Protein backbone atom coordinates (compact mmCIF):
# COMPACT_ATOMS: atom_id res chain seq x y z
CA MET A 1 42.53 17.38 -200.87
CA LYS A 2 39.60 19.54 -201.30
CA ILE A 3 39.05 22.56 -199.01
CA ASN A 4 36.35 20.78 -196.91
CA GLN A 5 38.50 17.42 -196.64
CA GLN A 6 41.50 19.64 -195.34
CA ALA A 7 39.02 21.36 -192.59
CA ILE A 8 37.87 17.97 -191.56
CA VAL A 9 41.50 16.45 -191.24
CA LYS A 10 42.48 19.52 -189.40
CA ARG A 11 39.57 19.23 -186.94
CA TRP A 12 39.99 15.07 -186.35
CA LYS A 13 43.63 14.84 -186.62
CA PRO A 14 44.33 16.20 -183.14
CA ILE A 15 41.28 14.19 -181.62
CA LEU A 16 42.31 10.71 -183.16
CA GLU A 17 45.82 11.32 -181.85
CA GLU A 18 44.87 11.99 -178.48
CA TYR A 19 42.64 8.85 -178.94
CA GLU A 20 45.31 6.63 -179.59
CA LYS A 21 47.37 7.92 -176.49
CA ILE A 22 44.72 7.01 -174.41
CA LYS A 23 44.24 3.42 -176.10
CA ASN A 24 47.89 2.85 -175.84
CA LYS A 25 48.36 4.46 -172.46
CA VAL A 26 50.95 6.99 -173.34
CA LEU A 27 52.14 9.56 -170.91
CA PRO A 28 51.54 12.27 -171.10
CA ARG A 29 48.03 12.49 -172.17
CA SER A 30 45.55 15.20 -171.95
CA PHE A 31 42.73 12.78 -171.24
CA ARG A 32 42.63 9.58 -168.78
CA LEU A 33 39.43 8.37 -170.63
CA VAL A 34 38.08 8.13 -174.10
CA LYS A 35 34.86 9.32 -172.63
CA ASP A 36 36.64 12.53 -171.21
CA LEU A 37 37.92 13.06 -174.78
CA GLY A 38 34.31 12.77 -176.10
CA LEU A 39 32.81 15.20 -173.73
CA ALA A 40 35.75 18.24 -174.28
CA HIS A 41 35.63 17.61 -177.97
CA HIS A 42 31.40 17.40 -177.77
CA ILE A 43 31.38 14.33 -179.66
CA LEU A 44 29.82 12.67 -176.66
CA LYS A 45 26.92 13.98 -174.38
């Protein structure tokens, strides 16, 4: 993998893992809603 791709994966992997926890209602999780996850990571406004 190129350096740019590694940086992208490093940034998005934890976000996507947390997203999967939210969608599958796995406990414990850091965020209750996907919206909260997006706001915390500056993906949503």
